[in-house]
Amino acid sequence: MIGYLPLAASLFTILFSRSVHADAKRALDTNFPDPCVIKTDAGYYAFGTAGNGVNIQVARSDDFSSWDLLSDTDALPGPFPDWVASEPNTWAPDVIKRGDGKYVMYFSASSSEDNSKHCVGAATSSSITGPYTPEDDPLACRLDKGGAIDADGFDDGGDLYVVYKVDGNSLNGDGTMHPTPIMLQAVNEDGVTPNGDPVQLLDRTDADGPVVEAPSLKKSGGTYFLTFSSNMYDTPQYDVSYATASSVKGPYTKADEPLLVSGDPSDVGSLTAPGGSDFSVDESKIVFHAFKNGHDINDGRAMYAADINLSGDTISIV
């Protein structure tokens, strides 16, 4: 980790200065990265990055406590449109329910124009578990800036938005630390058609390391909460941080300390590299991932779940 000693020192300071909070709970003891969660009349559903032989994984729970991987279900089996590479390499799904009762999935997939980079797409289904049918055109690509990933849908009282990350760190091989801004894109009521130009909500600073990514947006009272992850996903410095604003378009102010860092407690031991969090619609819960084996990424990332409280401009695990 040459060049990241200041980050390690900051992590040490955070671990020994932050308040103790309740344990998160391991929800799935399998590789299930970048989870999202949605509550339906049939229970809670979670969706995760490609793994276990499918493009988009699905899990279900009646009570948010006991989860089952639907191992025979691929929510996004294809076929894919022309903008997706022959090996889609699908990442970081998010699912919302729109006004007409259909479900919209946002996902990242490798671009056929440059398969080293991703674009954000949208897909729809009449069933929560799919199969989801992708739209013919991507929602965001930004290939000249490194691509677009980590989309998350947000319903602000009937106004629909998608937040996503511009994947600038995919260009860092040129020796430059590129921007990785979190963008807000308004969409029409269909959830798939962009409405106007995207707005930048925040970007990385030196304290964030090479990236900010994996955004999730929620409103409580008059405050907008934007969770995101900082530092590299395959290192113990990865975390769940957040920022707040009084307007959906910002400006957003980062909280003084992250919500989750390595060393925080869970029911199976200390977390390592917690990240990729997603809010439930009712603002009372989150899901996220952390190293499955507790010390490195070699065995993948398991899904964890936690109850949260949003109060003022603070998120706490309860």
Protein backbone atom coordinates (compact mmCIF):
# COMPACT_ATOMS: atom_id res chain seq x y z
CA MET A 1 0.00 0.00 0.00
CA ILE A 2 2.80 2.44 -0.85
CA GLY A 3 1.42 5.95 -0.96
CA TYR A 4 -1.54 5.16 1.31
CA LEU A 5 0.04 5.39 4.76
CA PRO A 6 -1.91 8.60 5.51
CA LEU A 7 -5.13 6.71 4.78
CA ALA A 8 -4.14 3.91 7.12
CA ALA A 9 -3.31 6.44 9.83
CA SER A 10 -6.66 8.14 9.31
CA LEU A 11 -8.40 4.77 9.58
CA PHE A 12 -6.61 4.07 12.88
CA THR A 13 -7.72 7.46 14.21
CA ILE A 14 -11.33 6.87 13.17
CA LEU A 15 -11.48 3.41 14.75
CA PHE A 16 -10.36 4.69 18.13
CA SER A 17 -12.34 7.94 18.18
CA ARG A 18 -15.76 7.01 16.80
CA SER A 19 -18.69 5.97 18.95
CA VAL A 20 -19.58 2.28 19.28
CA HIS A 21 -22.75 1.25 17.47
CA ALA A 22 -24.88 -1.85 17.07
CA ASP A 23 -23.66 -4.84 15.10
CA ALA A 24 -24.44 -5.28 11.43
CA LYS A 25 -25.53 -8.82 10.53
CA ARG A 26 -24.24 -11.06 7.76
CA ALA A 27 -27.21 -11.67 5.49
CA LEU A 28 -25.68 -13.96 2.85
CA ASP A 29 -22.65 -16.18 3.34
CA THR A 30 -21.69 -16.11 -0.35
CA ASN A 31 -20.11 -13.71 -2.84
CA PHE A 32 -22.83 -11.06 -3.31
CA PRO A 33 -21.13 -7.68 -3.98
CA ASP A 34 -22.72 -4.25 -4.48
CA PRO A 35 -26.14 -5.17 -3.07
CA CYS A 36 -29.33 -3.16 -3.34
CA VAL A 37 -32.54 -3.75 -1.43
CA ILE A 38 -36.22 -3.18 -2.18
CA LYS A 39 -39.31 -4.01 -0.10
CA THR A 40 -42.37 -5.44 -1.83
CA ASP A 41 -45.66 -6.96 -0.71
CA ALA A 42 -43.93 -10.35 -1.04
CA GLY A 43 -41.02 -9.40 1.21
CA TYR A 44 -37.56 -7.90 0.80
CA TYR A 45 -35.46 -8.54 -2.29
CA ALA A 46 -31.77 -7.89 -2.78
CA PHE A 47 -29.86 -7.80 -6.05
CA GLY A 48 -26.10 -8.14 -6.48
CA THR A 49 -23.26 -7.96 -9.00
CA ALA A 50 -22.64 -10.92 -11.34
CA GLY A 51 -21.62 -14.07 -9.50
CA ASN A 52 -22.62 -17.64 -8.70
CA GLY A 53 -23.13 -18.26 -12.41
CA VAL A 54 -25.60 -15.45 -13.22
CA ASN A 55 -25.45 -11.87 -14.52
CA ILE A 56 -27.46 -10.33 -11.67
CA GLN A 57 -27.98 -12.26 -8.43
CA VAL A 58 -31.23 -12.20 -6.43
CA ALA A 59 -31.92 -12.93 -2.77
CA ARG A 60 -35.13 -12.76 -0.74
CA SER A 61 -36.19 -12.31 2.89
CA ASP A 62 -39.51 -12.21 4.71
CA ASP A 63 -38.18 -10.21 7.66
CA PHE A 64 -34.85 -8.59 6.61
CA SER A 65 -33.14 -10.95 9.04
CA SER A 66 -33.05 -14.37 7.34
CA TRP A 67 -32.08 -14.29 3.65
CA ASP A 68 -32.10 -16.91 0.90
CA LEU A 69 -30.11 -16.73 -2.33
CA LEU A 70 -32.37 -17.55 -5.28
CA SER A 71 -29.64 -19.60 -6.88
CA ASP A 72 -31.65 -20.56 -9.98
CA THR A 73 -32.62 -16.95 -10.79
CA ASP A 74 -30.80 -14.57 -13.12
CA ALA A 75 -32.65 -11.24 -13.06
CA LEU A 76 -30.85 -10.01 -16.20
CA PRO A 77 -30.24 -13.07 -18.40
CA GLY A 78 -30.12 -11.21 -21.72
CA PRO A 79 -30.10 -10.93 -24.63
CA PHE A 80 -28.36 -7.58 -24.35
CA PRO A 81 -28.56 -4.64 -26.77
CA ASP A 82 -25.74 -3.63 -29.09
CA TRP A 83 -24.13 -1.17 -26.65
CA VAL A 84 -23.22 -4.05 -24.29
CA ALA A 85 -20.03 -6.06 -24.93
CA SER A 86 -20.25 -9.78 -25.73
CA GLU A 87 -19.12 -10.47 -22.16
CA PRO A 88 -21.44 -8.08 -20.29
CA ASN A 89 -19.56 -8.08 -16.97
CA THR A 90 -22.61 -6.71 -15.14
CA TRP A 91 -22.11 -4.76 -11.90
CA ALA A 92 -23.94 -2.97 -9.13
CA PRO A 93 -27.68 -3.25 -9.86
CA ASP A 94 -30.41 -1.15 -8.27
CA VAL A 95 -34.16 -1.72 -8.55
CA ILE A 96 -37.05 0.69 -8.04
CA LYS A 97 -40.80 0.39 -8.58
CA ARG A 98 -42.31 3.05 -10.79
CA GLY A 99 -45.83 4.48 -10.75
CA ASP A 100 -47.37 2.02 -13.21
CA GLY A 101 -46.30 -0.96 -11.08
CA LYS A 102 -43.39 -2.05 -13.27
CA TYR A 103 -39.88 -2.44 -11.92
CA VAL A 104 -36.82 -0.66 -13.29
CA MET A 105 -33.33 -2.06 -12.83
CA TYR A 106 -30.27 0.13 -13.26
CA PHE A 107 -27.06 -1.79 -13.96
CA SER A 108 -23.51 -1.35 -15.23
CA ALA A 109 -22.24 -3.38 -18.19
CA SER A 110 -19.08 -3.42 -20.28
CA SER A 111 -19.32 -1.20 -23.36
CA SER A 112 -19.10 -2.79 -26.82
CA GLU A 113 -17.24 0.35 -27.92
CA ASP A 114 -14.53 -0.17 -25.27
CA ASN A 115 -14.94 -3.31 -23.17
CA SER A 116 -12.46 -2.02 -20.60
CA LYS A 117 -15.08 0.53 -19.56
CA HIS A 118 -18.69 0.36 -18.41
CA CYS A 119 -21.90 2.20 -19.21
CA VAL A 120 -25.04 2.47 -17.08
CA GLY A 121 -28.15 0.89 -18.52
CA ALA A 122 -31.78 0.49 -17.51
CA ALA A 123 -34.04 -2.55 -17.83
CA THR A 124 -37.70 -3.16 -16.99
CA SER A 125 -39.83 -6.06 -15.81
CA SER A 126 -43.38 -6.67 -14.60
CA SER A 127 -41.94 -9.07 -11.99
CA ILE A 128 -39.60 -8.12 -9.16
CA THR A 129 -37.31 -11.09 -9.92
CA GLY A 130 -37.33 -10.49 -13.68
CA PRO A 131 -36.35 -11.31 -16.27
CA TYR A 132 -35.53 -7.64 -16.91
CA THR A 133 -35.39 -6.41 -20.51
CA PRO A 134 -32.62 -3.86 -21.15
CA GLU A 135 -33.29 -0.62 -23.00
CA ASP A 136 -31.77 -0.25 -26.46
CA ASP A 137 -29.65 2.74 -25.41
CA PRO A 138 -27.54 3.30 -22.29
CA LEU A 139 -28.58 5.83 -19.68
CA ALA A 140 -25.03 7.15 -19.17
CA CYS A 141 -21.66 6.20 -20.69
CA ARG A 142 -19.06 8.98 -20.29
CA LEU A 143 -16.45 6.79 -22.01
CA ASP A 144 -14.17 9.78 -22.57
CA LYS A 145 -14.10 10.25 -18.78
CA GLY A 146 -13.61 6.55 -17.94
CA GLY A 147 -17.17 5.23 -18.20
CA ALA A 148 -20.15 5.20 -15.82
CA ILE A 149 -21.01 2.69 -13.08
CA ASP A 150 -22.86 2.22 -9.77
CA ALA A 151 -26.29 3.61 -10.68
CA ASP A 152 -28.94 4.04 -7.98
CA GLY A 153 -32.55 5.12 -8.49
CA PHE A 154 -34.29 7.69 -6.27
CA ASP A 155 -37.96 8.75 -6.14
CA ASP A 156 -38.23 12.24 -4.67
CA GLY A 157 -41.98 12.52 -4.22
CA GLY A 158 -42.68 11.55 -7.81
CA ASP A 159 -39.61 13.19 -9.33
CA LEU A 160 -37.28 10.39 -10.44
CA TYR A 161 -33.49 10.56 -10.44
CA VAL A 162 -30.54 8.27 -10.99
CA VAL A 163 -27.21 8.84 -9.24
CA TYR A 164 -24.07 7.23 -10.63
CA LYS A 165 -20.28 7.44 -10.60
CA VAL A 166 -18.13 8.61 -13.48
CA ASP A 167 -15.46 5.89 -13.45
CA GLY A 168 -12.43 8.14 -13.86
CA ASN A 169 -10.14 5.84 -11.93
CA SER A 170 -10.31 3.42 -14.89
CA LEU A 171 -7.97 5.95 -16.55
CA ASN A 172 -5.49 6.16 -13.68
CA GLY A 173 -2.98 3.98 -15.51
CA ASP A 174 -1.74 7.12 -17.27
CA GLY A 175 -0.20 8.27 -13.99
CA THR A 176 -2.87 10.89 -13.24
CA MET A 177 -5.42 10.69 -10.42
CA HIS A 178 -8.62 11.35 -12.35
CA PRO A 179 -11.91 12.74 -11.00
CA THR A 180 -14.63 10.22 -10.04
CA PRO A 181 -17.63 12.52 -9.58
CA ILE A 182 -21.02 11.35 -8.34
CA MET A 183 -23.64 12.59 -10.81
CA LEU A 184 -27.40 13.15 -10.51
CA GLN A 185 -29.50 12.53 -13.63
CA ALA A 186 -33.19 13.41 -13.70
CA VAL A 187 -35.31 10.88 -15.61
CA ASN A 188 -38.87 10.92 -16.91
CA GLU A 189 -41.67 9.04 -15.16
CA ASP A 190 -40.75 5.92 -17.16
CA GLY A 191 -37.53 5.79 -15.13
CA VAL A 192 -35.39 5.15 -18.21
CA THR A 193 -35.40 8.36 -20.27
CA PRO A 194 -32.93 11.09 -19.23
CA ASN A 195 -34.43 14.51 -18.59
CA GLY A 196 -31.89 17.30 -19.01
CA ASP A 197 -28.20 17.23 -18.22
CA PRO A 198 -26.65 15.49 -15.20
CA VAL A 199 -25.54 17.53 -12.18
CA GLN A 200 -22.39 16.82 -10.18
CA LEU A 201 -23.08 16.20 -6.47
CA LEU A 202 -19.55 15.63 -5.15
CA ASP A 203 -16.12 14.34 -6.14
CA ARG A 204 -13.12 12.70 -4.50
CA THR A 205 -10.70 14.64 -2.34
CA ASP A 206 -7.28 13.53 -1.14
CA ALA A 207 -8.95 12.12 1.99
CA ASP A 208 -11.04 9.79 -0.23
CA GLY A 209 -8.07 8.22 -1.97
CA PRO A 210 -8.52 7.42 -5.67
CA VAL A 211 -12.34 7.26 -5.71
CA VAL A 212 -15.75 8.05 -4.40
CA GLU A 213 -18.32 5.58 -5.74
CA ALA A 214 -21.37 3.40 -5.03
CA PRO A 215 -23.84 6.22 -4.25
CA SER A 216 -27.28 5.75 -2.68
CA LEU A 217 -29.68 8.65 -2.14
CA LYS A 218 -32.51 9.05 0.35
CA LYS A 219 -34.51 11.91 1.89
CA SER A 220 -35.58 12.15 5.54
CA GLY A 221 -37.52 15.20 6.63
CA GLY A 222 -35.97 18.07 4.72
CA THR A 223 -32.51 16.49 4.47
CA TYR A 224 -31.06 14.50 1.58
CA PHE A 225 -28.61 11.77 2.57
CA LEU A 226 -26.07 10.56 0.01
CA THR A 227 -24.07 7.50 1.03
CA PHE A 228 -20.96 6.58 -0.93
CA SER A 229 -17.77 4.57 -0.60
CA SER A 230 -14.21 5.96 -0.49
CA ASN A 231 -10.81 4.43 -1.27
CA MET A 232 -10.27 1.18 -3.20
CA TYR A 233 -12.80 -1.65 -2.94
CA ASP A 234 -10.12 -4.33 -2.49
CA THR A 235 -8.36 -2.67 0.47
CA PRO A 236 -9.23 -2.34 4.18
CA GLN A 237 -9.48 1.45 3.69
CA TYR A 238 -12.77 1.00 1.80
CA ASP A 239 -15.70 2.44 3.76
CA VAL A 240 -19.26 3.72 3.74
CA SER A 241 -19.30 7.50 4.06
CA TYR A 242 -22.12 9.98 3.58
CA ALA A 243 -22.95 13.59 2.86
CA THR A 244 -26.08 15.71 3.39
CA ALA A 245 -27.85 18.57 1.63
CA SER A 246 -31.06 20.56 1.85
CA SER A 247 -31.63 20.27 -1.91
CA VAL A 248 -31.43 17.14 -4.07
CA LYS A 249 -28.93 18.94 -6.31
CA GLY A 250 -26.76 19.98 -3.37
CA PRO A 251 -24.42 21.37 -2.33
CA TYR A 252 -23.58 18.28 -0.24
CA THR A 253 -21.51 18.43 2.93
CA LYS A 254 -19.55 15.33 3.88
CA ALA A 255 -20.05 13.99 7.41
CA ASP A 256 -17.15 14.29 9.86
CA GLU A 257 -16.67 10.52 10.02
CA PRO A 258 -17.76 7.52 7.92
CA LEU A 259 -20.80 5.42 8.76
CA LEU A 260 -18.88 2.12 8.44
CA VAL A 261 -15.15 1.31 8.42
CA SER A 262 -12.97 -1.77 8.80
CA GLY A 263 -12.99 -2.91 12.42
CA ASP A 264 -16.64 -2.09 13.03
CA PRO A 265 -18.59 -4.95 14.61
CA SER A 266 -20.81 -7.55 12.99
CA ASP A 267 -22.43 -10.73 14.24
CA VAL A 268 -19.60 -12.78 12.66
CA GLY A 269 -16.66 -10.63 13.72
CA SER A 270 -15.11 -7.32 12.71
CA LEU A 271 -15.93 -5.98 9.26
CA THR A 272 -13.22 -5.47 6.66
CA ALA A 273 -13.74 -3.13 3.70
CA PRO A 274 -17.46 -2.39 4.17
CA GLY A 275 -18.89 -0.61 1.13
CA GLY A 276 -21.44 -0.50 -1.66
CA SER A 277 -24.34 0.38 0.63
CA ASP A 278 -27.97 0.89 -0.40
CA PHE A 279 -30.91 2.40 1.51
CA SER A 280 -34.29 0.73 1.83
CA VAL A 281 -37.19 2.86 0.61
CA ASP A 282 -38.50 3.43 4.14
CA GLU A 283 -35.08 4.82 5.23
CA SER A 284 -34.85 2.37 8.15
CA LYS A 285 -32.39 -0.17 6.75
CA ILE A 286 -29.29 -0.58 4.61
CA VAL A 287 -27.45 -3.42 2.94
CA PHE A 288 -23.76 -3.39 2.06
CA HIS A 289 -20.88 -5.77 1.39
CA ALA A 290 -17.62 -6.59 3.19
CA PHE A 291 -14.84 -9.15 2.72
CA LYS A 292 -16.37 -12.60 3.20
CA ASN A 293 -13.31 -14.10 4.90
CA GLY A 294 -12.76 -11.04 7.09
CA HIS A 295 -9.29 -10.10 5.86
CA ASP A 296 -9.02 -9.92 2.04
CA ILE A 297 -11.07 -10.05 -1.13
CA ASN A 298 -9.90 -13.50 -2.25
CA ASP A 299 -13.15 -15.22 -1.18
CA GLY A 300 -15.39 -12.43 -2.42
CA ARG A 301 -17.68 -10.06 -0.58
CA ALA A 302 -20.67 -11.14 1.52
CA MET A 303 -23.85 -9.09 1.97
CA TYR A 304 -24.55 -7.53 5.36
CA ALA A 305 -27.70 -5.84 6.64
CA ALA A 306 -28.28 -3.24 9.33
CA ASP A 307 -31.05 -1.12 10.82
CA ILE A 308 -30.33 2.61 10.67
CA ASN A 309 -31.68 5.87 12.00
CA LEU A 310 -31.65 9.16 10.10
CA SER A 311 -31.81 12.12 12.47
CA GLY A 312 -30.97 15.70 11.60
CA ASP A 313 -27.90 15.35 9.40
CA THR A 314 -26.64 12.11 10.97
CA ILE A 315 -26.96 8.42 10.07
CA SER A 316 -26.46 5.88 12.83
CA ILE A 317 -26.69 2.09 12.97
CA VAL A 318 -29.15 0.96 15.65
